C-alpha atoms as a PDB file:
ATOM      1  CA  MET A   1       7.549   8.404  -0.747  1.00  0.00           C
ATOM      2  CA  SER A   2       6.312  10.806   2.001  1.00  0.00           C
ATOM      3  CA  LYS A   3       3.173   9.737   3.809  1.00  0.00           C
ATOM      4  CA  LYS A   4       2.156  13.123   2.597  1.00  0.00           C
ATOM      5  CA  GLN A   5       2.148  12.228  -0.609  1.00  0.00           C
ATOM      6  CA  ASN A   6       0.760   8.383   0.229  1.00  0.00           C
ATOM      7  CA  LEU A   7      -1.932  10.269   1.370  1.00  0.00           C
ATOM      8  CA  TYR A   8      -2.764  11.957  -2.427  1.00  0.00           C
ATOM      9  CA  THR A   9      -2.208   8.332  -3.715  1.00  0.00           C
ATOM     10  CA  GLY A  10      -4.340   6.524  -1.658  1.00  0.00           C
ATOM     11  CA  ARG A  11      -7.307   9.355  -2.142  1.00  0.00           C
ATOM     12  CA  SER A  12      -6.612   9.582  -5.978  1.00  0.00           C
ATOM     13  CA  GLY A  13      -7.077   5.896  -6.566  1.00  0.00           C
ATOM     14  CA  GLN A  14     -10.426   5.848  -4.273  1.00  0.00           C
ATOM     15  CA  MET A  15     -11.385   8.297  -6.644  1.00  0.00           C
ATOM     16  CA  ALA A  16     -10.961   6.250  -9.941  1.00  0.00           C
ATOM     17  CA  VAL A  17     -12.179   2.888  -8.014  1.00  0.00           C
ATOM     18  CA  MET A  18     -15.646   5.524  -7.456  1.00  0.00           C
ATOM     19  CA  ALA A  19     -15.679   6.619 -10.887  1.00  0.00           C
ATOM     20  CA  GLU A  20     -15.408   3.261 -12.396  1.00  0.00           C
ATOM     21  CA  PHE A  21     -18.401   1.876 -10.381  1.00  0.00           C
ATOM     22  CA  LEU A  22     -19.959   5.426 -10.973  1.00  0.00           C
ATOM     23  CA  ARG A  23     -19.533   4.686 -14.915  1.00  0.00           C
ATOM     24  CA  ARG A  24     -20.914   1.244 -14.358  1.00  0.00           C
ATOM     25  CA  GLY A  25     -24.848   2.448 -13.258  1.00  0.00           C
ATOM     26  CA  TYR A  26     -23.944   2.474  -8.962  1.00  0.00           C
ATOM     27  CA  ASN A  27     -24.400   4.710  -6.699  1.00  0.00           C
ATOM     28  CA  VAL A  28     -21.422   5.178  -4.465  1.00  0.00           C
ATOM     29  CA  ALA A  29     -20.682   6.936  -0.788  1.00  0.00           C
ATOM     30  CA  ILE A  30     -17.544   7.521   1.392  1.00  0.00           C
ATOM     31  CA  PRO A  31     -18.720   7.136   5.309  1.00  0.00           C
ATOM     32  CA  GLU A  32     -17.927   9.666   7.075  1.00  0.00           C
ATOM     33  CA  ILE A  33     -16.430   7.666  10.021  1.00  0.00           C
ATOM     34  CA  ASP A  34     -13.807   5.267   8.445  1.00  0.00           C
ATOM     35  CA  ILE A  35     -13.751   1.393  10.207  1.00  0.00           C
ATOM     36  CA  GLY A  36     -12.458  -0.278   7.412  1.00  0.00           C
ATOM     37  CA  GLU A  37     -14.503   0.313   4.197  1.00  0.00           C
ATOM     38  CA  ASP A  38     -13.516   3.607   1.874  1.00  0.00           C
ATOM     39  CA  ILE A  39     -16.672   2.752   0.094  1.00  0.00           C
ATOM     40  CA  PHE A  40     -20.002   1.856   0.051  1.00  0.00           C
ATOM     41  CA  VAL A  41     -21.203   1.181  -3.273  1.00  0.00           C
ATOM     42  CA  VAL A  42     -24.984   0.687  -4.386  1.00  0.00           C
ATOM     43  CA  ARG A  43     -27.577  -0.597  -6.680  1.00  0.00           C
ATOM     44  CA  ASP A  44     -30.148   1.948  -6.692  1.00  0.00           C
ATOM     45  CA  ALA A  45     -32.847  -0.528  -8.157  1.00  0.00           C
ATOM     46  CA  ASP A  46     -32.669  -2.802  -5.289  1.00  0.00           C
ATOM     47  CA  GLY A  47     -30.896  -0.819  -2.351  1.00  0.00           C
ATOM     48  CA  GLU A  48     -27.695  -3.831  -2.643  1.00  0.00           C
ATOM     49  CA  LEU A  49     -24.825  -2.995  -0.828  1.00  0.00           C
ATOM     50  CA  SER A  50     -21.213  -3.720  -1.373  1.00  0.00           C
ATOM     51  CA  ARG A  51     -18.734  -2.861   1.161  1.00  0.00           C
ATOM     52  CA  ILE A  52     -15.111  -2.083  -0.779  1.00  0.00           C
ATOM     53  CA  GLN A  53     -11.356  -1.112   0.951  1.00  0.00           C
ATOM     54  CA  VAL A  54      -8.981   0.573  -1.840  1.00  0.00           C
ATOM     55  CA  LYS A  55      -5.491   0.169  -1.977  1.00  0.00           C
ATOM     56  CA  ALA A  56      -3.746   2.339  -4.728  1.00  0.00           C
ATOM     57  CA  ALA A  57       0.377   2.522  -5.379  1.00  0.00           C
ATOM     58  CA  ILE A  58       1.636   4.035  -8.123  1.00  0.00           C
ATOM     59  CA  GLY A  59       3.360   1.233 -10.692  1.00  0.00           C
ATOM     60  CA  LYS A  60       7.219   1.182 -11.022  1.00  0.00           C
ATOM     61  CA  GLY A  61       8.939  -0.813 -13.765  1.00  0.00           C
ATOM     62  CA  ARG A  62      10.374  -0.797 -17.201  1.00  0.00           C
ATOM     63  CA  ASN A  63       8.824  -4.720 -18.395  1.00  0.00           C
ATOM     64  CA  GLY A  64       5.118  -3.778 -16.900  1.00  0.00           C
ATOM     65  CA  ALA A  65       4.705  -2.369 -13.565  1.00  0.00           C
ATOM     66  CA  ALA A  66       4.506  -2.946 -10.206  1.00  0.00           C
ATOM     67  CA  GLY A  67       3.110  -1.754  -6.532  1.00  0.00           C
ATOM     68  CA  LYS A  68       3.306  -2.495  -3.355  1.00  0.00           C
ATOM     69  CA  PHE A  69       0.166  -2.658  -1.456  1.00  0.00           C
ATOM     70  CA  SER A  70      -0.687  -3.065   2.406  1.00  0.00           C
ATOM     71  CA  ALA A  71      -4.236  -4.167   4.525  1.00  0.00           C
ATOM     72  CA  PRO A  72      -4.480  -4.496   8.295  1.00  0.00           C
ATOM     73  CA  LEU A  73      -4.291  -8.470   8.958  1.00  0.00           C
ATOM     74  CA  ALA A  74      -7.185  -7.702  11.589  1.00  0.00           C
ATOM     75  CA  GLN A  75      -9.124  -6.665   8.792  1.00  0.00           C
ATOM     76  CA  LEU A  76      -8.255  -9.482   6.674  1.00  0.00           C
ATOM     77  CA  ARG A  77      -8.983 -11.721   9.162  1.00  0.00           C
ATOM     78  CA  ARG A  78     -12.659 -10.247  10.382  1.00  0.00           C
ATOM     79  CA  PRO A  79     -15.645 -11.342   8.678  1.00  0.00           C
ATOM     80  CA  HIS A  80     -18.229  -8.123   7.236  1.00  0.00           C
ATOM     81  CA  GLN A  81     -21.004  -8.944   6.419  1.00  0.00           C
ATOM     82  CA  PRO A  82     -22.021  -7.836   3.210  1.00  0.00           C
ATOM     83  CA  GLU A  83     -18.609  -9.100   2.275  1.00  0.00           C
ATOM     84  CA  LEU A  84     -15.410  -6.420   1.920  1.00  0.00           C
ATOM     85  CA  TYR A  85     -13.984  -6.621  -1.166  1.00  0.00           C
ATOM     86  CA  TYR A  86     -10.939  -5.587  -2.138  1.00  0.00           C
ATOM     87  CA  VAL A  87      -9.476  -2.668  -4.517  1.00  0.00           C
ATOM     88  CA  PHE A  88      -6.088  -3.054  -5.543  1.00  0.00           C
ATOM     89  CA  THR A  89      -5.642  -0.024  -8.043  1.00  0.00           C
ATOM     90  CA  LEU A  90      -2.423   0.501 -10.246  1.00  0.00           C
ATOM     91  CA  HIS A  91      -1.539   4.164 -11.374  1.00  0.00           C
ATOM     92  CA  ARG A  92       1.164   3.923 -14.456  1.00  0.00           C
ATOM     93  CA  ASP A  93       1.585   5.671 -18.145  1.00  0.00           C
ATOM     94  CA  GLY A  94      -0.604   8.625 -16.238  1.00  0.00           C
ATOM     95  CA  LEU A  95      -3.907   6.867 -15.256  1.00  0.00           C
ATOM     96  CA  TRP A  96      -4.996   4.453 -12.774  1.00  0.00           C
ATOM     97  CA  ARG A  97      -4.911   1.429 -15.309  1.00  0.00           C
ATOM     98  CA  GLU A  98      -5.178  -1.277 -13.430  1.00  0.00           C
ATOM     99  CA  PHE A  99      -7.741  -2.762 -11.228  1.00  0.00           C
ATOM    100  CA  VAL A 100      -7.621  -5.848  -9.339  1.00  0.00           C
ATOM    101  CA  ILE A 101     -10.639  -6.859  -7.308  1.00  0.00           C
ATOM    102  CA  ILE A 102     -10.560  -9.600  -4.710  1.00  0.00           C
ATOM    103  CA  PRO A 103     -13.184 -10.269  -1.973  1.00  0.00           C
ATOM    104  CA  ARG A 104     -11.664 -10.954   1.535  1.00  0.00           C
ATOM    105  CA  ASP A 105     -12.243 -14.004   2.350  1.00  0.00           C
ATOM    106  CA  ASN A 106     -10.536 -15.191  -1.237  1.00  0.00           C
ATOM    107  CA  LEU A 107      -7.815 -12.442  -0.307  1.00  0.00           C
ATOM    108  CA  ARG A 108      -7.347 -14.059   3.317  1.00  0.00           C
ATOM    109  CA  SER A 109      -7.638 -17.953   1.893  1.00  0.00           C
ATOM    110  CA  LEU A 110      -4.251 -17.329  -0.290  1.00  0.00           C
ATOM    111  CA  CYS A 111      -2.365 -15.250   2.470  1.00  0.00           C
ATOM    112  CA  GLU A 112      -3.708 -17.917   5.179  1.00  0.00           C
ATOM    113  CA  ASP A 113      -2.565 -20.831   2.362  1.00  0.00           C
ATOM    114  CA  GLY A 114       0.711 -19.073   2.070  1.00  0.00           C
ATOM    115  CA  ASN A 115       0.397 -18.505  -1.748  1.00  0.00           C
ATOM    116  CA  ILE A 116       0.767 -14.791  -1.510  1.00  0.00           C
ATOM    117  CA  GLY A 117       1.977 -11.630   0.254  1.00  0.00           C
ATOM    118  CA  ASN A 118       3.848 -11.172   3.851  1.00  0.00           C
ATOM    119  CA  VAL A 119       2.669 -10.682   7.475  1.00  0.00           C
ATOM    120  CA  ILE A 120       5.054  -8.852   8.849  1.00  0.00           C
ATOM    121  CA  LYS A 121       3.711  -7.644  12.285  1.00  0.00           C
ATOM    122  CA  ASP A 122       0.155  -6.497  11.669  1.00  0.00           C
ATOM    123  CA  LYS A 123      -0.114  -5.635   7.704  1.00  0.00           C
ATOM    124  CA  PHE A 124      -0.727  -7.947   5.504  1.00  0.00           C
ATOM    125  CA  LEU A 125       2.253  -7.302   2.486  1.00  0.00           C
ATOM    126  CA  LEU A 126       1.927  -7.878  -1.303  1.00  0.00           C
ATOM    127  CA  TYR A 127       3.660  -6.743  -4.106  1.00  0.00           C
ATOM    128  CA  LEU A 128       1.641  -7.131  -7.267  1.00  0.00           C
ATOM    129  CA  SER A 129       3.673  -7.176 -10.889  1.00  0.00           C
ATOM    130  CA  PHE A 130       1.796  -6.212 -13.579  1.00  0.00           C
ATOM    131  CA  ARG A 131       2.455  -7.478 -17.382  1.00  0.00           C
ATOM    132  CA  ALA A 132       0.224  -7.640 -20.624  1.00  0.00           C
ATOM    133  CA  GLU A 133      -0.683 -11.613 -19.973  1.00  0.00           C
ATOM    134  CA  ASP A 134      -0.542 -11.509 -16.279  1.00  0.00           C
ATOM    135  CA  VAL A 135      -0.872 -10.074 -12.782  1.00  0.00           C
ATOM    136  CA  VAL A 136       1.422 -12.309 -10.324  1.00  0.00           C
ATOM    137  CA  CYS A 137       2.373 -12.349  -6.791  1.00  0.00           C
ATOM    138  CA  SER A 138       3.795 -14.257  -4.987  1.00  0.00           C
ATOM    139  CA  GLU A 139       4.555 -16.100  -8.004  1.00  0.00           C
ATOM    140  CA  THR A 140       0.899 -16.798  -7.674  1.00  0.00           C
ATOM    141  CA  SER A 141      -1.319 -15.555 -10.764  1.00  0.00           C
ATOM    142  CA  LEU A 142      -4.135 -13.063  -9.790  1.00  0.00           C
ATOM    143  CA  GLN A 143      -4.933 -12.922 -13.452  1.00  0.00           C
ATOM    144  CA  GLY A 144      -8.802 -14.066 -12.499  1.00  0.00           C
ATOM    145  CA  TYR A 145      -8.993 -11.175  -9.987  1.00  0.00           C
ATOM    146  CA  ARG A 146      -7.626  -8.349 -13.014  1.00  0.00           C
ATOM    147  CA  GLY A 147     -10.376  -6.345 -14.009  1.00  0.00           C
ATOM    148  CA  ASN A 148     -12.729  -8.554 -12.749  1.00  0.00           C
ATOM    149  CA  TRP A 149     -15.868  -5.856 -12.001  1.00  0.00           C
ATOM    150  CA  THR A 150     -18.539  -9.130 -12.791  1.00  0.00           C
ATOM    151  CA  ARG A 151     -20.449  -8.552  -9.348  1.00  0.00           C
ATOM    152  CA  TRP A 152     -21.203  -5.183 -10.145  1.00  0.00           C
ATOM    153  CA  PRO A 153     -22.061  -5.161 -14.072  1.00  0.00           C
ATOM    154  CA  VAL A 154     -23.149  -2.194 -15.664  1.00  0.00           C
ATOM    155  CA  ILE A 155     -26.426  -1.107 -15.649  1.00  0.00           C
ATOM    156  CA  LYS A 156     -28.134   1.230 -18.298  1.00  0.00           C
ATOM    157  CA  HIS A 157     -30.428   3.729 -16.291  1.00  0.00           C
END
């Protein structure tokens, strides 16, 4: 995939994640200066802020779908306040269908324990494989993070 196509894929994945937060009743904003977050999510009632980094891929495969994702290693290792959440989203069958939501500190622990992904130079690389019953990275199930929006329950306005 060309670098230009990657930009379109990334931005459309970001918009899909923003749309889901809006549907759930949260306000969203794109920071004017990108220093590691793609989206700020705000609960209007009390101003609670969440920081979101979106990683997007186009699914490939016949018996399910898989996608490759990467994140800067420095971002993964740096503590954030409030905590940074990664949303890995996969486009397949014409829609953004998969969302794996994982706090940065959990992802860092999985990476450092050697349970998932690979570190190459200054990047953390993940290959997520999606099946109906599970989502797997390096033989580790991430099913508990799949579609796990519990941090942001639907708000009735």
